[in-house]
Amino acid sequence: MPKLDPLSLKLFVSVIESSSITAAASMHHIAATAVSKRISDLEHLFGTTLLQRTNRGVHPTDAGKALVSLARRALNEFDSIQIAMQDYCDGGVGLVTLCASTSAMSQFLSRDIADFLVQSPGIKVSVDEQPSELAVRMVADNAVQIGVYANVAETHGLNTQLYSEDHLVLVCHPSHPLAMRDRVSFQDTLVYDYVGWYSGSAINKQLDTAARMSHCNWQVRARVNSFDALAQMVAAQIGIGILPEDVARQRVLAYPLKICYLSDAWAIRQFHLAIRADQALPDPALRLHNYLLRAHNNSKPNDPVPDMLMSMH
């Protein structure tokens, strides 16, 4: 009779998140057959099918969706045990678990967490960098205490508060026709080839929606999953791309790129903090949550506003 163990749950979650047994096996450095055996053992243990296997990958059944939610919660608690007990041994005061989008981490969250930790000796922070939708789901599943996300409509059961903002901008090679412009609408850029984002990213979903509303085709010649990869491909003149402004300004220092502001209202994105509505945060997590909210409020009067944004008000 197979027994339930943390490794099987961890492998199952990885399979669901990657939609691939092979990818999950590679991530954990074990054979794909061993992962399949673990999944089969779980299905035998629970007496139900957990995965649907198709030629496009694997997808959870209803029972699988329920298990992945429970597994994330259990694994988070399991991982926290050793860290929390080590904190007591070291004289610490607690661990905060947080999941955030890449855009938030790259632009302002890392700096805010660093400042918080300087002021909060003994508190440790564990950060998981994931797409916004998964960050929200991990909070809902109680896998992390705080989520940082942008542009997620479904936040049922969560308390959310505004944390920060960013501005999406267009980047192109200095020889590109759009390099002569300081400001452009997204619709006017759709006659050119793009370097796009992988399908699960918040930016990709936003651009897909904007293209549909413009009733224009979005010509994507290549897709990437990192800011550096997009900057490199745009610099190689494969196409134009969209980046958060702070990220774009960092990449301009390393690559031949020109920044052009987008005039579309949706190019201004809001990032929110999410916590569960049905339970109180432990004191260390509450302190970080409140610190992040204060950091947003304190930064607003001093944030520079580009001319193109001022003209929109």
Protein backbone atom coordinates (compact mmCIF):
# COMPACT_ATOMS: atom_id res chain seq x y z
CA MET A 1 0.00 0.00 0.00
CA PRO A 2 1.65 3.31 -1.08
CA LYS A 3 2.05 5.96 1.58
CA LEU A 4 1.59 9.72 1.25
CA ASP A 5 4.92 11.56 1.46
CA PRO A 6 6.10 15.13 0.80
CA LEU A 7 8.20 14.20 -2.24
CA SER A 8 5.22 12.71 -4.07
CA LEU A 9 3.18 15.81 -3.34
CA LYS A 10 6.03 18.08 -4.46
CA LEU A 11 6.40 16.14 -7.73
CA PHE A 12 2.64 16.24 -8.31
CA VAL A 13 2.55 20.03 -7.87
CA SER A 14 5.49 20.42 -10.27
CA VAL A 15 3.73 18.27 -12.87
CA ILE A 16 0.59 20.43 -12.64
CA GLU A 17 2.52 23.72 -12.80
CA SER A 18 4.57 22.62 -15.82
CA SER A 19 1.82 20.54 -17.49
CA SER A 20 4.52 17.97 -18.16
CA ILE A 21 5.84 14.90 -16.38
CA THR A 22 9.13 15.19 -18.28
CA ALA A 23 9.61 18.84 -17.27
CA ALA A 24 8.84 18.05 -13.62
CA ALA A 25 11.31 15.16 -13.69
CA SER A 26 14.02 17.39 -15.14
CA MET A 27 13.35 20.06 -12.52
CA HIS A 28 13.83 17.55 -9.69
CA HIS A 29 16.67 15.61 -11.40
CA ILE A 30 14.92 12.23 -11.44
CA ALA A 31 13.67 9.93 -14.18
CA ALA A 32 10.29 10.63 -15.79
CA THR A 33 9.31 7.01 -15.12
CA ALA A 34 9.89 7.59 -11.40
CA VAL A 35 7.59 10.63 -11.48
CA SER A 36 4.92 8.63 -13.33
CA LYS A 37 5.20 5.89 -10.69
CA ARG A 38 4.76 8.46 -7.91
CA ILE A 39 1.64 9.85 -9.61
CA SER A 40 0.24 6.36 -10.12
CA ASP A 41 0.86 5.59 -6.44
CA LEU A 42 -1.07 8.73 -5.46
CA GLU A 43 -3.96 7.75 -7.72
CA HIS A 44 -3.98 4.27 -6.17
CA LEU A 45 -3.80 5.72 -2.66
CA PHE A 46 -6.77 8.05 -3.22
CA GLY A 47 -8.70 5.71 -5.48
CA THR A 48 -9.25 8.28 -8.23
CA THR A 49 -7.66 9.64 -11.38
CA LEU A 50 -5.64 12.80 -10.76
CA LEU A 51 -4.29 13.57 -14.25
CA GLN A 52 -5.64 13.63 -17.77
CA ARG A 53 -2.89 12.73 -20.23
CA THR A 54 -3.14 14.16 -23.76
CA ASN A 55 -0.74 14.80 -26.62
CA ARG A 56 -0.59 18.43 -25.45
CA GLY A 57 0.55 17.55 -21.94
CA VAL A 58 -1.09 16.59 -18.66
CA HIS A 59 -3.92 18.41 -16.92
CA PRO A 60 -5.49 17.88 -13.49
CA THR A 61 -8.89 16.29 -13.07
CA ASP A 62 -11.25 17.84 -10.53
CA ALA A 63 -9.70 15.57 -7.92
CA GLY A 64 -6.25 16.65 -9.10
CA LYS A 65 -7.15 20.32 -8.74
CA ALA A 66 -8.32 19.68 -5.18
CA LEU A 67 -5.13 17.77 -4.36
CA VAL A 68 -2.77 20.40 -5.76
CA SER A 69 -4.43 23.04 -3.58
CA LEU A 70 -4.11 20.86 -0.49
CA ALA A 71 -0.57 19.83 -1.44
CA ARG A 72 0.69 23.41 -1.76
CA ARG A 73 -0.70 24.16 1.68
CA ALA A 74 0.82 21.03 3.24
CA LEU A 75 4.22 21.54 1.60
CA ASN A 76 4.34 25.14 2.75
CA GLU A 77 3.64 24.08 6.33
CA PHE A 78 6.13 21.23 6.07
CA ASP A 79 8.92 23.47 4.75
CA SER A 80 8.15 26.06 7.41
CA ILE A 81 8.70 23.62 10.26
CA GLN A 82 12.44 23.27 9.84
CA ILE A 83 12.93 26.97 9.05
CA ALA A 84 10.83 28.07 12.02
CA MET A 85 12.62 25.76 14.43
CA GLN A 86 15.98 26.94 13.08
CA ASP A 87 14.81 30.50 13.71
CA TYR A 88 14.26 29.67 17.38
CA CYS A 89 17.69 28.09 17.53
CA ASP A 90 19.23 31.21 15.99
CA GLY A 91 17.19 33.61 18.12
CA GLY A 92 15.03 34.70 15.19
CA VAL A 93 11.42 35.84 15.35
CA GLY A 94 9.76 34.32 12.29
CA LEU A 95 9.54 33.52 8.59
CA VAL A 96 7.38 35.35 6.03
CA THR A 97 6.41 33.51 2.84
CA LEU A 98 5.63 35.60 -0.23
CA CYS A 99 4.96 34.98 -3.94
CA ALA A 100 5.39 37.82 -6.43
CA SER A 101 5.43 38.50 -10.14
CA THR A 102 8.75 38.97 -11.92
CA SER A 103 7.88 42.58 -12.78
CA ALA A 104 7.28 43.43 -9.13
CA MET A 105 10.49 41.73 -8.00
CA SER A 106 12.59 43.41 -10.67
CA GLN A 107 11.34 46.94 -10.11
CA PHE A 108 10.49 47.70 -6.50
CA LEU A 109 9.70 44.69 -4.31
CA SER A 110 13.31 43.51 -3.87
CA ARG A 111 14.33 46.98 -2.70
CA ASP A 112 11.38 47.25 -0.32
CA ILE A 113 12.06 43.81 1.19
CA ALA A 114 15.74 44.67 1.64
CA ASP A 115 14.83 47.90 3.48
CA PHE A 116 12.33 46.00 5.65
CA LEU A 117 14.88 43.36 6.64
CA VAL A 118 17.39 46.03 7.67
CA GLN A 119 14.76 47.39 10.05
CA SER A 120 13.54 43.96 11.21
CA PRO A 121 16.41 41.85 12.60
CA GLY A 122 15.46 38.22 13.10
CA ILE A 123 12.73 38.09 10.44
CA LYS A 124 13.41 35.99 7.36
CA VAL A 125 11.58 36.21 4.02
CA SER A 126 11.09 33.37 1.54
CA VAL A 127 10.15 34.70 -1.92
CA ASP A 128 8.76 32.62 -4.77
CA GLU A 129 8.81 34.40 -8.15
CA GLN A 130 5.84 33.32 -10.29
CA PRO A 131 3.30 34.75 -12.78
CA SER A 132 0.66 36.98 -11.18
CA GLU A 133 -2.18 34.45 -11.49
CA LEU A 134 -0.15 31.78 -9.72
CA ALA A 135 0.85 34.25 -6.99
CA VAL A 136 -2.85 34.88 -6.29
CA ARG A 137 -3.62 31.15 -6.39
CA MET A 138 -0.82 30.36 -3.94
CA VAL A 139 -2.26 32.83 -1.42
CA ALA A 140 -5.74 31.38 -1.90
CA ASP A 141 -4.30 27.87 -1.39
CA ASN A 142 -2.52 29.06 1.78
CA ALA A 143 0.82 28.10 0.22
CA VAL A 144 2.20 31.58 0.96
CA GLN A 145 1.13 34.37 3.28
CA ILE A 146 1.38 37.35 0.89
CA GLY A 147 1.02 37.66 -2.87
CA VAL A 148 2.08 40.54 -5.11
CA TYR A 149 0.33 40.64 -8.48
CA ALA A 150 -0.97 42.76 -11.36
CA ASN A 151 -4.03 42.38 -13.58
CA VAL A 152 -5.75 39.39 -11.99
CA ALA A 153 -9.52 39.70 -11.92
CA GLU A 154 -10.41 36.70 -9.75
CA THR A 155 -9.35 37.29 -6.14
CA HIS A 156 -12.32 35.73 -4.31
CA GLY A 157 -11.62 35.08 -0.64
CA LEU A 158 -8.68 37.47 -0.52
CA ASN A 159 -8.13 40.95 0.89
CA THR A 160 -6.29 43.08 -1.66
CA GLN A 161 -4.74 46.53 -1.38
CA LEU A 162 -2.88 48.73 -3.84
CA TYR A 163 0.89 48.42 -3.46
CA SER A 164 2.59 50.10 -6.43
CA GLU A 165 2.41 51.01 -10.13
CA ASP A 166 4.56 50.60 -13.20
CA HIS A 167 4.43 51.79 -16.81
CA LEU A 168 4.83 49.53 -19.82
CA VAL A 169 6.96 51.00 -22.59
CA LEU A 170 7.97 49.94 -26.08
CA VAL A 171 11.61 49.14 -26.81
CA CYS A 172 13.13 48.98 -30.29
CA HIS A 173 16.51 49.10 -31.99
CA PRO A 174 17.77 52.67 -32.60
CA SER A 175 17.54 52.05 -36.37
CA HIS A 176 13.86 51.03 -36.21
CA PRO A 177 11.27 53.49 -37.65
CA LEU A 178 9.62 53.83 -34.22
CA ALA A 179 12.92 54.99 -32.69
CA MET A 180 12.17 58.47 -34.04
CA ARG A 181 9.04 58.72 -31.86
CA ASP A 182 8.83 59.46 -28.15
CA ARG A 183 5.25 58.30 -27.81
CA VAL A 184 3.08 55.88 -29.75
CA SER A 185 -0.18 53.99 -29.40
CA PHE A 186 -0.04 50.21 -29.24
CA GLN A 187 -2.30 49.95 -32.28
CA ASP A 188 0.18 51.92 -34.38
CA THR A 189 2.92 49.44 -33.50
CA LEU A 190 1.05 46.38 -34.74
CA VAL A 191 2.31 46.79 -38.31
CA TYR A 192 5.74 45.68 -37.04
CA ASP A 193 7.03 42.30 -35.87
CA TYR A 194 7.19 41.74 -32.13
CA VAL A 195 9.31 39.81 -29.69
CA GLY A 196 6.57 38.57 -27.37
CA TRP A 197 6.19 36.89 -24.00
CA TYR A 198 5.36 33.30 -23.12
CA SER A 199 1.61 32.66 -22.96
CA GLY A 200 1.33 32.56 -19.16
CA SER A 201 2.82 35.99 -18.48
CA ALA A 202 0.68 38.93 -17.35
CA ILE A 203 2.22 41.20 -20.00
CA ASN A 204 1.43 38.73 -22.78
CA LYS A 205 -2.21 38.46 -21.70
CA GLN A 206 -2.49 42.23 -21.55
CA LEU A 207 -1.05 42.65 -25.04
CA ASP A 208 -3.25 39.88 -26.43
CA THR A 209 -6.31 41.67 -25.06
CA ALA A 210 -5.17 45.04 -26.43
CA ALA A 211 -4.54 43.54 -29.88
CA ARG A 212 -8.03 41.98 -29.95
CA MET A 213 -9.63 45.28 -28.94
CA SER A 214 -7.71 47.00 -31.75
CA HIS A 215 -9.06 44.39 -34.23
CA CYS A 216 -5.49 43.93 -35.49
CA ASN A 217 -3.20 40.94 -35.76
CA TRP A 218 -0.25 40.85 -33.38
CA GLN A 219 2.72 39.49 -35.31
CA VAL A 220 4.99 37.70 -32.84
CA ARG A 221 8.18 36.33 -34.42
CA ALA A 222 9.70 35.02 -31.19
CA ARG A 223 8.60 34.45 -27.61
CA VAL A 224 10.76 34.72 -24.50
CA ASN A 225 10.42 34.26 -20.75
CA SER A 226 12.88 36.80 -19.36
CA PHE A 227 13.57 40.53 -19.57
CA ASP A 228 17.16 39.98 -20.70
CA ALA A 229 16.13 37.60 -23.48
CA LEU A 230 13.63 40.13 -24.82
CA ALA A 231 16.19 42.94 -24.69
CA GLN A 232 18.76 40.81 -26.51
CA MET A 233 16.33 39.84 -29.27
CA VAL A 234 15.13 43.41 -29.76
CA ALA A 235 18.75 44.56 -29.87
CA ALA A 236 19.34 41.89 -32.55
CA GLN A 237 16.51 43.52 -34.57
CA ILE A 238 14.24 40.46 -34.49
CA GLY A 239 11.33 42.69 -33.52
CA ILE A 240 10.10 45.33 -31.12
CA GLY A 241 9.05 44.53 -27.56
CA ILE A 242 7.25 45.68 -24.41
CA LEU A 243 8.96 46.03 -21.03
CA PRO A 244 8.20 47.72 -17.71
CA GLU A 245 9.80 51.17 -17.78
CA ASP A 246 12.25 50.61 -14.91
CA VAL A 247 13.39 47.35 -16.47
CA ALA A 248 13.76 49.00 -19.88
CA ARG A 249 15.91 51.80 -18.43
CA GLN A 250 18.23 49.20 -16.89
CA ARG A 251 18.52 47.31 -20.20
CA VAL A 252 19.24 50.46 -22.21
CA LEU A 253 22.55 50.64 -20.35
CA ALA A 254 23.55 47.20 -21.66
CA TYR A 255 21.93 46.95 -25.10
CA PRO A 256 21.32 49.24 -28.11
CA LEU A 257 17.69 50.05 -27.37
CA LYS A 258 15.39 53.06 -27.68
CA ILE A 259 12.46 53.60 -25.29
CA CYS A 260 9.14 54.85 -26.63
CA TYR A 261 6.21 55.57 -24.27
CA LEU A 262 2.85 53.93 -24.89
CA SER A 263 -0.06 56.37 -24.87
CA ASP A 264 -2.61 53.66 -24.00
CA ALA A 265 -4.22 53.94 -20.55
CA TRP A 266 -3.70 50.21 -19.88
CA ALA A 267 0.08 50.74 -20.09
CA ILE A 268 -0.12 52.01 -16.50
CA ARG A 269 -0.38 48.87 -14.36
CA GLN A 270 -1.34 48.60 -10.70
CA PHE A 271 0.22 46.01 -8.40
CA HIS A 272 -1.69 44.78 -5.39
CA LEU A 273 -0.90 42.88 -2.20
CA ALA A 274 -3.13 39.87 -1.51
CA ILE A 275 -3.67 38.05 1.77
CA ARG A 276 -6.31 35.55 2.84
CA ALA A 277 -9.49 37.13 4.17
CA ASP A 278 -10.37 34.26 6.51
CA GLN A 279 -7.30 34.25 8.74
CA ALA A 280 -5.06 36.75 10.47
CA LEU A 281 -1.44 37.08 9.40
CA PRO A 282 1.27 36.08 11.89
CA ASP A 283 3.03 39.12 13.30
CA PRO A 284 6.15 38.96 11.04
CA ALA A 285 4.00 38.72 7.90
CA LEU A 286 1.70 41.48 9.11
CA ARG A 287 4.72 43.73 9.71
CA LEU A 288 6.01 43.15 6.17
CA HIS A 289 2.55 43.65 4.66
CA ASN A 290 2.08 46.96 6.46
CA TYR A 291 5.62 48.06 5.61
CA LEU A 292 4.99 47.48 1.89
CA LEU A 293 1.78 49.52 2.04
CA ARG A 294 3.62 52.38 3.76
CA ALA A 295 6.44 52.16 1.20
CA HIS A 296 3.89 52.72 -1.58
CA ASN A 297 2.23 55.64 0.18
CA ASN A 298 5.54 57.30 1.00
CA SER A 299 6.91 56.97 -2.53
CA LYS A 300 3.93 58.44 -4.38
CA PRO A 301 4.71 62.18 -3.95
CA ASN A 302 8.31 61.74 -5.12
CA ASP A 303 7.78 59.47 -8.11
CA PRO A 304 8.75 61.19 -11.38
CA VAL A 305 5.91 61.35 -13.89
CA PRO A 306 6.83 61.20 -17.58
CA ASP A 307 5.58 64.11 -19.72
CA MET A 308 3.36 61.80 -21.74
CA LEU A 309 1.60 60.69 -18.54
CA MET A 310 1.11 64.23 -17.30
CA SER A 311 -0.54 65.14 -20.58
CA MET A 312 -3.11 62.39 -20.09
CA HIS A 313 -4.63 63.97 -16.98
